[in-house]
Amino acid sequence: MQNILKQYQSIKEKYPGAVLLFRIGDFYETFNEDAKIVSKHSGILLQEVQATAGIRHLASVPLNAVDATIRKLVKAGYQVALCDQLEDPRNKRNIAKRGVTDLLKPS
């Protein structure tokens, strides 16, 4: 998990003004302030977690709810960075490579 959090933080640094939806398996995970924003605007449960690598809050967006969540965030004025797995994680010994595949902005 530590390597995934390092990967998340590295990508988040490149998109500091955006809410980062970070794909892990069947969910897009959000952390800390992004998790609070997602929870507030989408009704997804905000979880407080034991601080690990600076992560204190978590909100998990199921794949089937990501489009609706993105629409709500953009409508509320947030920029959203969608970070996907760029390779099949089943074929990796380490963590799958991830990158931002879409950056959505309010009009």
N, C-alpha and C. Protein backbone atom coordinates (compact mmCIF):
# COMPACT_ATOMS: atom_id res chain seq x y z
N MET A 1 0.83 -1.21 0.00
CA MET A 1 0.00 0.00 0.00
C MET A 1 0.87 1.26 0.00
N GLN A 2 2.00 1.18 0.65
CA GLN A 2 2.89 2.35 0.74
C GLN A 2 3.31 2.82 -0.65
N ASN A 3 3.63 1.87 -1.56
CA ASN A 3 4.03 2.26 -2.92
C ASN A 3 2.90 2.93 -3.68
N ILE A 4 1.67 2.45 -3.47
CA ILE A 4 0.51 3.06 -4.13
C ILE A 4 0.33 4.50 -3.63
N LEU A 5 0.51 4.72 -2.33
CA LEU A 5 0.36 6.07 -1.79
C LEU A 5 1.45 7.00 -2.31
N LYS A 6 2.65 6.49 -2.48
CA LYS A 6 3.71 7.31 -3.07
C LYS A 6 3.35 7.67 -4.51
N GLN A 7 2.82 6.70 -5.25
CA GLN A 7 2.40 6.95 -6.63
C GLN A 7 1.29 8.00 -6.64
N TYR A 8 0.32 7.86 -5.75
CA TYR A 8 -0.77 8.83 -5.65
C TYR A 8 -0.21 10.24 -5.40
N GLN A 9 0.65 10.36 -4.40
CA GLN A 9 1.18 11.67 -4.03
C GLN A 9 1.98 12.30 -5.17
N SER A 10 2.71 11.49 -5.90
CA SER A 10 3.48 11.99 -7.04
C SER A 10 2.55 12.56 -8.12
N ILE A 11 1.46 11.86 -8.39
CA ILE A 11 0.51 12.34 -9.40
C ILE A 11 -0.25 13.55 -8.89
N LYS A 12 -0.64 13.55 -7.63
CA LYS A 12 -1.38 14.68 -7.03
C LYS A 12 -0.56 15.96 -7.12
N GLU A 13 0.76 15.86 -6.92
CA GLU A 13 1.62 17.04 -7.01
C GLU A 13 1.57 17.70 -8.39
N LYS A 14 1.30 16.91 -9.42
CA LYS A 14 1.23 17.44 -10.78
C LYS A 14 -0.11 18.12 -11.07
N TYR A 15 -1.12 17.87 -10.23
CA TYR A 15 -2.46 18.42 -10.42
C TYR A 15 -2.98 18.99 -9.10
N PRO A 16 -2.27 19.96 -8.53
CA PRO A 16 -2.62 20.43 -7.18
C PRO A 16 -3.98 21.11 -7.08
N GLY A 17 -4.47 21.69 -8.16
CA GLY A 17 -5.75 22.39 -8.11
C GLY A 17 -6.95 21.52 -8.45
N ALA A 18 -6.70 20.26 -8.75
CA ALA A 18 -7.78 19.36 -9.18
C ALA A 18 -8.10 18.35 -8.09
N VAL A 19 -9.35 17.90 -8.09
CA VAL A 19 -9.74 16.75 -7.27
C VAL A 19 -9.25 15.53 -8.04
N LEU A 20 -8.40 14.74 -7.42
CA LEU A 20 -7.81 13.58 -8.08
C LEU A 20 -8.59 12.32 -7.74
N LEU A 21 -9.18 11.69 -8.77
CA LEU A 21 -9.85 10.40 -8.62
C LEU A 21 -8.85 9.35 -9.08
N PHE A 22 -8.36 8.53 -8.14
CA PHE A 22 -7.23 7.64 -8.33
C PHE A 22 -7.71 6.19 -8.37
N ARG A 23 -7.64 5.56 -9.52
CA ARG A 23 -8.19 4.21 -9.71
C ARG A 23 -7.35 3.16 -8.99
N ILE A 24 -8.05 2.41 -8.14
CA ILE A 24 -7.48 1.22 -7.50
C ILE A 24 -8.54 0.13 -7.60
N GLY A 25 -8.31 -0.82 -8.48
CA GLY A 25 -9.28 -1.91 -8.65
C GLY A 25 -10.61 -1.41 -9.17
N ASP A 26 -11.68 -1.72 -8.44
CA ASP A 26 -13.04 -1.36 -8.86
C ASP A 26 -13.51 -0.02 -8.31
N PHE A 27 -12.59 0.78 -7.78
CA PHE A 27 -12.94 2.07 -7.18
C PHE A 27 -11.98 3.16 -7.64
N TYR A 28 -12.49 4.38 -7.61
CA TYR A 28 -11.63 5.55 -7.70
C TYR A 28 -11.53 6.08 -6.27
N GLU A 29 -10.31 6.10 -5.75
CA GLU A 29 -10.09 6.53 -4.38
C GLU A 29 -9.76 8.02 -4.36
N THR A 30 -10.22 8.67 -3.32
CA THR A 30 -9.85 10.06 -3.07
C THR A 30 -9.35 10.14 -1.64
N PHE A 31 -8.41 11.05 -1.42
CA PHE A 31 -7.78 11.14 -0.12
C PHE A 31 -7.80 12.58 0.40
N ASN A 32 -7.77 12.71 1.71
CA ASN A 32 -7.65 13.98 2.43
C ASN A 32 -8.66 15.01 1.95
N GLU A 33 -8.21 16.20 1.54
CA GLU A 33 -9.15 17.26 1.16
C GLU A 33 -10.02 16.87 -0.02
N ASP A 34 -9.44 16.13 -0.97
CA ASP A 34 -10.23 15.66 -2.11
C ASP A 34 -11.36 14.76 -1.63
N ALA A 35 -11.08 13.91 -0.66
CA ALA A 35 -12.12 13.01 -0.12
C ALA A 35 -13.23 13.81 0.54
N LYS A 36 -12.88 14.86 1.25
CA LYS A 36 -13.89 15.72 1.89
C LYS A 36 -14.78 16.38 0.84
N ILE A 37 -14.17 16.84 -0.24
CA ILE A 37 -14.93 17.49 -1.32
C ILE A 37 -15.87 16.48 -1.99
N VAL A 38 -15.35 15.30 -2.32
CA VAL A 38 -16.17 14.26 -2.95
C VAL A 38 -17.33 13.88 -2.05
N SER A 39 -17.06 13.69 -0.79
CA SER A 39 -18.12 13.31 0.15
C SER A 39 -19.19 14.39 0.23
N LYS A 40 -18.77 15.62 0.32
CA LYS A 40 -19.71 16.75 0.45
C LYS A 40 -20.63 16.87 -0.77
N HIS A 41 -20.08 16.69 -1.95
CA HIS A 41 -20.86 16.95 -3.16
C HIS A 41 -21.52 15.72 -3.77
N SER A 42 -21.15 14.52 -3.31
CA SER A 42 -21.73 13.33 -3.91
C SER A 42 -22.46 12.43 -2.91
N GLY A 43 -22.28 12.71 -1.64
CA GLY A 43 -22.93 11.88 -0.63
C GLY A 43 -22.19 10.58 -0.35
N ILE A 44 -21.02 10.41 -0.93
CA ILE A 44 -20.21 9.21 -0.65
C ILE A 44 -19.61 9.34 0.73
N LEU A 45 -19.60 8.24 1.46
CA LEU A 45 -19.13 8.21 2.83
C LEU A 45 -17.68 8.67 2.95
N LEU A 46 -17.43 9.61 3.86
CA LEU A 46 -16.08 10.04 4.19
C LEU A 46 -15.59 9.20 5.35
N GLN A 47 -14.47 8.54 5.15
CA GLN A 47 -13.90 7.70 6.20
C GLN A 47 -12.66 8.35 6.77
N GLU A 48 -12.54 8.30 8.08
CA GLU A 48 -11.30 8.73 8.72
C GLU A 48 -10.47 7.49 8.92
N VAL A 49 -9.22 7.55 8.50
CA VAL A 49 -8.35 6.39 8.59
C VAL A 49 -7.13 6.73 9.42
N GLN A 50 -6.51 5.68 9.95
CA GLN A 50 -5.28 5.89 10.71
C GLN A 50 -4.25 6.50 9.77
N ALA A 51 -3.63 7.57 10.19
CA ALA A 51 -2.69 8.30 9.34
C ALA A 51 -1.59 7.38 8.81
N THR A 52 -1.57 7.21 7.49
CA THR A 52 -0.55 6.41 6.82
C THR A 52 -0.02 7.25 5.67
N ALA A 53 1.25 7.56 5.70
CA ALA A 53 1.88 8.36 4.63
C ALA A 53 1.11 9.64 4.38
N GLY A 54 0.60 10.26 5.44
CA GLY A 54 -0.10 11.53 5.31
C GLY A 54 -1.56 11.42 4.94
N ILE A 55 -2.10 10.22 4.80
CA ILE A 55 -3.50 10.03 4.45
C ILE A 55 -4.33 9.92 5.72
N ARG A 56 -5.31 10.83 5.86
CA ARG A 56 -6.17 10.82 7.05
C ARG A 56 -7.64 10.62 6.70
N HIS A 57 -8.02 10.96 5.47
CA HIS A 57 -9.41 10.83 5.04
C HIS A 57 -9.46 10.09 3.71
N LEU A 58 -10.53 9.33 3.52
CA LEU A 58 -10.69 8.51 2.33
C LEU A 58 -12.15 8.50 1.93
N ALA A 59 -12.40 8.60 0.63
CA ALA A 59 -13.75 8.40 0.08
C ALA A 59 -13.58 7.59 -1.19
N SER A 60 -14.28 6.47 -1.27
CA SER A 60 -14.16 5.54 -2.40
C SER A 60 -15.36 5.67 -3.33
N VAL A 61 -15.09 5.96 -4.59
CA VAL A 61 -16.14 6.11 -5.60
C VAL A 61 -16.19 4.83 -6.43
N PRO A 62 -17.29 4.07 -6.36
CA PRO A 62 -17.39 2.86 -7.19
C PRO A 62 -17.38 3.22 -8.67
N LEU A 63 -16.86 2.31 -9.48
CA LEU A 63 -16.80 2.57 -10.92
C LEU A 63 -18.14 2.98 -11.51
N ASN A 64 -19.22 2.35 -11.04
CA ASN A 64 -20.54 2.65 -11.62
C ASN A 64 -21.08 4.01 -11.17
N ALA A 65 -20.40 4.69 -10.27
CA ALA A 65 -20.85 6.01 -9.81
C ALA A 65 -19.90 7.13 -10.22
N VAL A 66 -18.82 6.79 -10.93
CA VAL A 66 -17.81 7.81 -11.20
C VAL A 66 -18.32 8.91 -12.14
N ASP A 67 -19.09 8.57 -13.16
CA ASP A 67 -19.58 9.60 -14.09
C ASP A 67 -20.48 10.60 -13.37
N ALA A 68 -21.39 10.11 -12.56
CA ALA A 68 -22.28 11.01 -11.80
C ALA A 68 -21.49 11.86 -10.81
N THR A 69 -20.49 11.27 -10.19
CA THR A 69 -19.66 12.01 -9.23
C THR A 69 -18.89 13.12 -9.93
N ILE A 70 -18.32 12.80 -11.08
CA ILE A 70 -17.57 13.81 -11.84
C ILE A 70 -18.50 14.96 -12.24
N ARG A 71 -19.70 14.64 -12.73
CA ARG A 71 -20.65 15.70 -13.12
C ARG A 71 -20.96 16.61 -11.94
N LYS A 72 -21.18 16.05 -10.77
CA LYS A 72 -21.49 16.86 -9.58
C LYS A 72 -20.32 17.75 -9.20
N LEU A 73 -19.12 17.21 -9.26
CA LEU A 73 -17.93 18.00 -8.90
C LEU A 73 -17.70 19.15 -9.87
N VAL A 74 -17.80 18.86 -11.16
CA VAL A 74 -17.60 19.90 -12.18
C VAL A 74 -18.69 20.96 -12.06
N LYS A 75 -19.92 20.53 -11.84
CA LYS A 75 -21.03 21.47 -11.67
C LYS A 75 -20.81 22.37 -10.46
N ALA A 76 -20.16 21.83 -9.42
CA ALA A 76 -19.86 22.61 -8.21
C ALA A 76 -18.63 23.50 -8.39
N GLY A 77 -17.99 23.43 -9.57
CA GLY A 77 -16.88 24.34 -9.86
C GLY A 77 -15.50 23.74 -9.68
N TYR A 78 -15.41 22.44 -9.50
CA TYR A 78 -14.11 21.80 -9.29
C TYR A 78 -13.55 21.24 -10.59
N GLN A 79 -12.24 21.30 -10.70
CA GLN A 79 -11.53 20.63 -11.77
C GLN A 79 -11.29 19.19 -11.28
N VAL A 80 -11.46 18.21 -12.16
CA VAL A 80 -11.32 16.81 -11.77
C VAL A 80 -10.29 16.13 -12.67
N ALA A 81 -9.30 15.50 -12.03
CA ALA A 81 -8.29 14.72 -12.75
C ALA A 81 -8.62 13.25 -12.54
N LEU A 82 -8.84 12.54 -13.64
CA LEU A 82 -9.18 11.12 -13.59
C LEU A 82 -7.90 10.32 -13.84
N CYS A 83 -7.46 9.59 -12.83
CA CYS A 83 -6.21 8.84 -12.90
C CYS A 83 -6.54 7.36 -13.02
N ASP A 84 -6.11 6.75 -14.13
CA ASP A 84 -6.43 5.35 -14.39
C ASP A 84 -5.17 4.48 -14.38
N GLN A 85 -5.41 3.17 -14.26
CA GLN A 85 -4.35 2.19 -14.41
C GLN A 85 -4.02 2.12 -15.89
N LEU A 86 -2.75 2.28 -16.24
CA LEU A 86 -2.34 2.29 -17.64
C LEU A 86 -1.86 0.94 -18.12
N GLU A 87 -1.85 -0.04 -17.22
CA GLU A 87 -1.48 -1.40 -17.59
C GLU A 87 -2.26 -2.36 -16.71
N ASP A 88 -2.38 -3.57 -17.15
CA ASP A 88 -3.14 -4.59 -16.42
C ASP A 88 -2.39 -4.97 -15.15
N PRO A 89 -2.99 -4.71 -13.98
CA PRO A 89 -2.30 -5.01 -12.73
C PRO A 89 -2.07 -6.50 -12.51
N ARG A 90 -2.82 -7.35 -13.18
CA ARG A 90 -2.63 -8.80 -13.02
C ARG A 90 -1.32 -9.27 -13.63
N ASN A 91 -0.77 -8.48 -14.54
CA ASN A 91 0.48 -8.85 -15.21
C ASN A 91 1.70 -8.20 -14.58
N LYS A 92 1.53 -7.59 -13.42
CA LYS A 92 2.62 -6.85 -12.78
C LYS A 92 3.02 -7.51 -11.47
N ARG A 93 4.30 -7.50 -11.20
CA ARG A 93 4.78 -7.95 -9.89
C ARG A 93 4.66 -6.81 -8.89
N ASN A 94 4.89 -5.61 -9.36
CA ASN A 94 4.75 -4.42 -8.53
C ASN A 94 3.42 -3.77 -8.83
N ILE A 95 3.29 -2.52 -8.45
CA ILE A 95 2.02 -1.82 -8.70
C ILE A 95 1.91 -1.43 -10.17
N ALA A 96 0.69 -1.34 -10.64
CA ALA A 96 0.43 -0.95 -12.03
C ALA A 96 0.76 0.52 -12.22
N LYS A 97 1.26 0.84 -13.40
CA LYS A 97 1.52 2.23 -13.76
C LYS A 97 0.18 2.94 -13.88
N ARG A 98 0.12 4.17 -13.37
CA ARG A 98 -1.09 4.98 -13.45
C ARG A 98 -0.75 6.36 -13.99
N GLY A 99 -1.75 6.99 -14.58
CA GLY A 99 -1.57 8.35 -15.07
C GLY A 99 -2.92 9.01 -15.29
N VAL A 100 -2.92 10.32 -15.36
CA VAL A 100 -4.16 11.07 -15.58
C VAL A 100 -4.54 10.90 -17.04
N THR A 101 -5.76 10.39 -17.24
CA THR A 101 -6.28 10.13 -18.59
C THR A 101 -7.29 11.16 -19.04
N ASP A 102 -7.79 11.96 -18.09
CA ASP A 102 -8.75 13.00 -18.43
C ASP A 102 -8.69 14.08 -17.37
N LEU A 103 -8.79 15.32 -17.82
CA LEU A 103 -8.84 16.46 -16.91
C LEU A 103 -10.08 17.26 -17.28
N LEU A 104 -11.05 17.24 -16.39
CA LEU A 104 -12.34 17.87 -16.65
C LEU A 104 -12.44 19.18 -15.88
N LYS A 105 -12.87 20.22 -16.58
CA LYS A 105 -12.93 21.56 -15.98
C LYS A 105 -14.34 22.10 -16.08
N PRO A 106 -14.73 22.91 -15.10
CA PRO A 106 -16.03 23.57 -15.20
C PRO A 106 -16.04 24.55 -16.39
N SER A 107 -17.22 24.72 -17.00
CA SER A 107 -17.29 25.64 -18.14
C SER A 107 -17.41 27.06 -17.71
